């Protein structure tokens, strides 16, 4: 028994030594494969000409893409808005849906010249399917209940086909960010001549 174990150990050592001394196959000498390119960022034209509500409403919760199509995440942006506030189309397009889904008012607008559509909820629609709307046109009013926010808000969504995108990408910098800072005179300090 001991003798057979010793033979097994010797054979294992010889096998490992032979493998270590053997020349490597040609594919082992090849340069390592380059890293996979990073996925290209999603291209969304900055065509919005108005916020859906207000002038620059507070974003209560931003877009959080889900890791899988049915995974958890946030497929839009929640914008603070009092009940009854007008909800406006962010860009010109055609209303593709205006009605109720799961007890909430929803308006969807296919944006002209793109493969994109925006959604707004909970909204009491003032438009009908097929209506043409311009940027800033009122499509409804914020409903007082039915939102998933802790305060009254509008959930603004953006889709390309069945893929959700960040709706804030539609906003050009001048609409998304506040203007430049302005310095005001300090009281008691004379202005330069």
Protein backbone atom coordinates (compact mmCIF):
# COMPACT_ATOMS: atom_id res chain seq x y z
CA UNK A 1 0.00 0.00 0.00
CA UNK A 2 2.80 2.37 0.93
CA UNK A 3 4.68 1.43 -2.14
CA UNK A 4 1.74 2.25 -4.45
CA UNK A 5 1.25 5.65 -2.77
CA UNK A 6 4.94 6.43 -3.26
CA UNK A 7 4.68 5.53 -6.97
CA UNK A 8 1.63 7.83 -7.29
CA UNK A 9 3.56 10.71 -5.69
CA UNK A 10 6.56 10.16 -7.96
CA UNK A 11 4.35 10.06 -11.05
CA UNK A 12 2.55 13.26 -9.98
CA UNK A 13 5.89 15.07 -9.52
CA UNK A 14 7.16 13.83 -12.90
CA UNK A 15 3.95 14.92 -14.61
CA UNK A 16 4.14 18.42 -13.09
CA UNK A 17 7.82 18.74 -14.09
CA UNK A 18 7.03 17.65 -17.65
CA UNK A 19 4.24 20.18 -17.93
CA UNK A 20 6.47 22.96 -16.60
CA UNK A 21 9.25 22.13 -19.09
CA UNK A 22 7.00 21.70 -22.12
CA UNK A 23 7.05 24.52 -24.69
CA UNK A 24 3.95 26.65 -24.69
CA UNK A 25 1.58 26.39 -27.63
CA UNK A 26 1.58 29.35 -30.07
CA UNK A 27 -1.70 30.77 -28.76
CA UNK A 28 -0.15 31.11 -25.28
CA UNK A 29 2.51 33.51 -26.66
CA UNK A 30 -0.04 35.86 -28.22
CA UNK A 31 -0.56 39.27 -26.71
CA UNK A 32 -3.44 39.46 -24.26
CA UNK A 33 -6.75 40.46 -25.78
CA UNK A 34 -7.43 44.20 -25.56
CA UNK A 35 -10.07 45.20 -23.04
CA UNK A 36 -13.60 45.39 -24.35
CA UNK A 37 -14.54 48.93 -25.36
CA UNK A 38 -16.72 50.80 -22.91
CA UNK A 39 -20.33 50.98 -24.01
CA UNK A 40 -21.02 54.17 -25.91
CA UNK A 41 -23.14 56.67 -24.01
CA UNK A 42 -26.76 56.87 -25.01
CA UNK A 43 -27.33 59.62 -27.56
CA UNK A 44 -30.34 61.80 -26.82
CA UNK A 45 -30.84 65.09 -28.68
CA UNK A 46 -31.16 68.09 -26.37
CA UNK A 47 -34.47 69.20 -27.91
CA UNK A 48 -36.46 70.16 -24.81
CA UNK A 49 -37.54 73.79 -24.74
CA UNK A 50 -39.41 73.74 -21.43
CA UNK A 51 -39.53 71.82 -18.18
CA UNK A 52 -42.67 69.69 -17.78
CA UNK A 53 -43.65 71.68 -14.67
CA UNK A 54 -42.52 75.05 -13.34
CA UNK A 55 -39.38 76.88 -14.42
CA UNK A 56 -36.69 74.76 -12.74
CA UNK A 57 -38.54 72.36 -10.46
CA UNK A 58 -36.67 70.46 -7.76
CA UNK A 59 -35.79 66.94 -8.91
CA UNK A 60 -36.99 64.78 -6.02
CA UNK A 61 -35.55 61.57 -7.47
CA UNK A 62 -33.47 61.18 -10.59
CA UNK A 63 -33.12 58.41 -13.12
CA UNK A 64 -31.66 55.19 -11.74
CA UNK A 65 -31.41 52.62 -14.54
CA UNK A 66 -32.34 49.07 -13.53
CA UNK A 67 -29.61 46.42 -13.89
CA UNK A 68 -32.03 44.20 -15.84
CA UNK A 69 -35.22 44.99 -17.81
CA UNK A 70 -37.42 43.88 -14.90
CA UNK A 71 -35.06 44.81 -12.07
CA UNK A 72 -35.52 47.53 -9.48
CA UNK A 73 -34.67 51.10 -10.40
CA UNK A 74 -36.26 54.42 -11.21
CA UNK A 75 -37.24 54.81 -14.85
CA UNK A 76 -37.63 58.57 -14.97
CA UNK A 77 -37.34 61.74 -12.92
CA UNK A 78 -39.72 62.90 -10.20
CA UNK A 79 -40.29 66.66 -10.32
CA UNK A 80 -41.85 68.53 -7.43
CA UNK A 81 -45.09 70.25 -8.43
CA UNK A 82 -48.22 71.30 -6.53
CA UNK A 83 -51.51 69.64 -7.42
CA UNK A 84 -53.28 71.45 -10.24
CA UNK A 85 -50.06 72.81 -11.78
CA UNK A 86 -50.00 72.79 -15.57
CA UNK A 87 -47.96 69.99 -17.16
CA UNK A 88 -46.31 71.00 -20.43
CA UNK A 89 -44.83 69.12 -23.38
CA UNK A 90 -41.05 69.55 -23.28
CA UNK A 91 -40.70 69.45 -27.08
CA UNK A 92 -43.00 69.40 -30.11
CA UNK A 93 -44.70 66.13 -30.96
CA UNK A 94 -47.91 64.14 -31.22
CA UNK A 95 -49.89 62.77 -28.28
CA UNK A 96 -49.75 58.97 -28.52
CA UNK A 97 -51.70 58.29 -25.31
CA UNK A 98 -53.86 60.30 -22.94
CA UNK A 99 -55.83 58.38 -20.37
CA UNK A 100 -55.66 56.28 -17.22
CA UNK A 101 -53.25 53.45 -16.44
CA UNK A 102 -53.60 51.61 -13.13
CA UNK A 103 -55.80 54.42 -11.80
CA UNK A 104 -53.36 57.22 -12.73
CA UNK A 105 -53.65 59.79 -15.46
CA UNK A 106 -50.89 59.43 -18.05
CA UNK A 107 -49.95 61.47 -21.12
CA UNK A 108 -47.40 60.22 -23.64
CA UNK A 109 -45.97 62.39 -26.44
CA UNK A 110 -43.96 61.09 -29.43
CA UNK A 111 -41.29 63.74 -30.04
CA UNK A 112 -41.20 65.08 -33.60
CA UNK A 113 -38.22 64.04 -35.72
CA UNK A 114 -36.98 61.43 -33.22
CA UNK A 115 -37.63 57.87 -32.11
CA UNK A 116 -38.31 59.11 -28.57
CA UNK A 117 -41.44 59.57 -26.50
CA UNK A 118 -41.98 61.26 -23.16
CA UNK A 119 -44.47 60.29 -20.46
CA UNK A 120 -46.01 62.33 -17.68
CA UNK A 121 -47.96 60.98 -14.68
CA UNK A 122 -50.10 61.46 -12.60
CA UNK A 123 -51.72 63.96 -14.92
CA UNK A 124 -55.32 64.83 -15.62
CA UNK A 125 -55.04 65.06 -19.45
CA UNK A 126 -56.29 68.11 -21.35
CA UNK A 127 -55.26 66.60 -24.72
CA UNK A 128 -56.39 63.59 -26.73
CA UNK A 129 -54.55 60.91 -28.67
CA UNK A 130 -53.45 62.32 -32.04
CA UNK A 131 -53.26 65.97 -30.91
CA UNK A 132 -50.20 67.89 -32.10
CA UNK A 133 -48.44 69.81 -29.33
CA UNK A 134 -45.65 72.35 -29.32
CA UNK A 135 -42.88 72.82 -26.78
CA UNK A 136 -44.44 74.37 -23.69
CA UNK A 137 -48.04 73.51 -24.63
CA UNK A 138 -50.16 72.36 -21.69
CA UNK A 139 -51.04 68.65 -21.89
CA UNK A 140 -52.76 68.38 -18.50
CA UNK A 141 -52.65 69.23 -14.81
CA UNK A 142 -50.90 67.53 -11.90
CA UNK A 143 -53.29 65.19 -10.09
CA UNK A 144 -53.33 65.51 -6.29
CA UNK A 145 -52.96 61.77 -5.65
CA UNK A 146 -51.70 58.66 -7.33
CA UNK A 147 -47.99 59.38 -7.44
CA UNK A 148 -45.28 57.28 -5.86
CA UNK A 149 -43.65 60.40 -4.35
CA UNK A 150 -44.01 61.35 -0.69
CA UNK A 151 -45.13 64.84 -1.85
CA UNK A 152 -47.10 65.83 -4.94
CA UNK A 153 -44.91 65.37 -8.00
CA UNK A 154 -44.86 64.51 -11.68
CA UNK A 155 -43.01 61.43 -12.87
CA UNK A 156 -41.37 62.36 -16.19
CA UNK A 157 -40.22 59.47 -18.34
CA UNK A 158 -38.36 59.08 -21.63
CA UNK A 159 -38.41 56.00 -23.84
CA UNK A 160 -36.75 54.86 -27.05
CA UNK A 161 -38.82 51.89 -28.12
CA UNK A 162 -39.23 49.90 -24.90
CA UNK A 163 -35.95 51.17 -23.38
CA UNK A 164 -36.16 53.79 -20.65
CA UNK A 165 -33.68 56.67 -20.78
CA UNK A 166 -32.84 59.61 -18.52
CA UNK A 167 -35.35 62.37 -19.42
CA UNK A 168 -32.97 65.06 -18.13
CA UNK A 169 -30.77 64.30 -21.18
CA UNK A 170 -33.39 66.11 -23.28
CA UNK A 171 -32.62 69.40 -21.53
CA UNK A 172 -29.97 71.66 -23.07
CA UNK A 173 -27.44 73.17 -20.63
CA UNK A 174 -29.15 76.58 -20.62
CA UNK A 175 -32.37 74.95 -19.42
CA UNK A 176 -30.82 72.36 -17.13
CA UNK A 177 -28.40 74.57 -15.24
CA UNK A 178 -28.91 77.91 -13.67
CA UNK A 179 -27.37 80.93 -15.33
CA UNK A 180 -24.03 82.41 -14.37
CA UNK A 181 -23.54 83.92 -10.95
CA UNK A 182 -23.98 87.68 -10.69
CA UNK A 183 -21.99 89.73 -8.25
CA UNK A 184 -23.91 92.41 -6.43
CA UNK A 185 -22.41 95.47 -4.76
CA UNK A 186 -21.56 95.05 -1.09
CA UNK A 187 -23.31 97.56 1.14
CA UNK A 188 -20.95 100.17 2.52
CA UNK A 189 -18.16 99.50 0.00
CA UNK A 190 -17.76 102.27 -2.57
CA UNK A 191 -17.81 101.31 -6.25
CA UNK A 192 -14.54 101.82 -8.14
CA UNK A 193 -14.29 104.94 -10.24
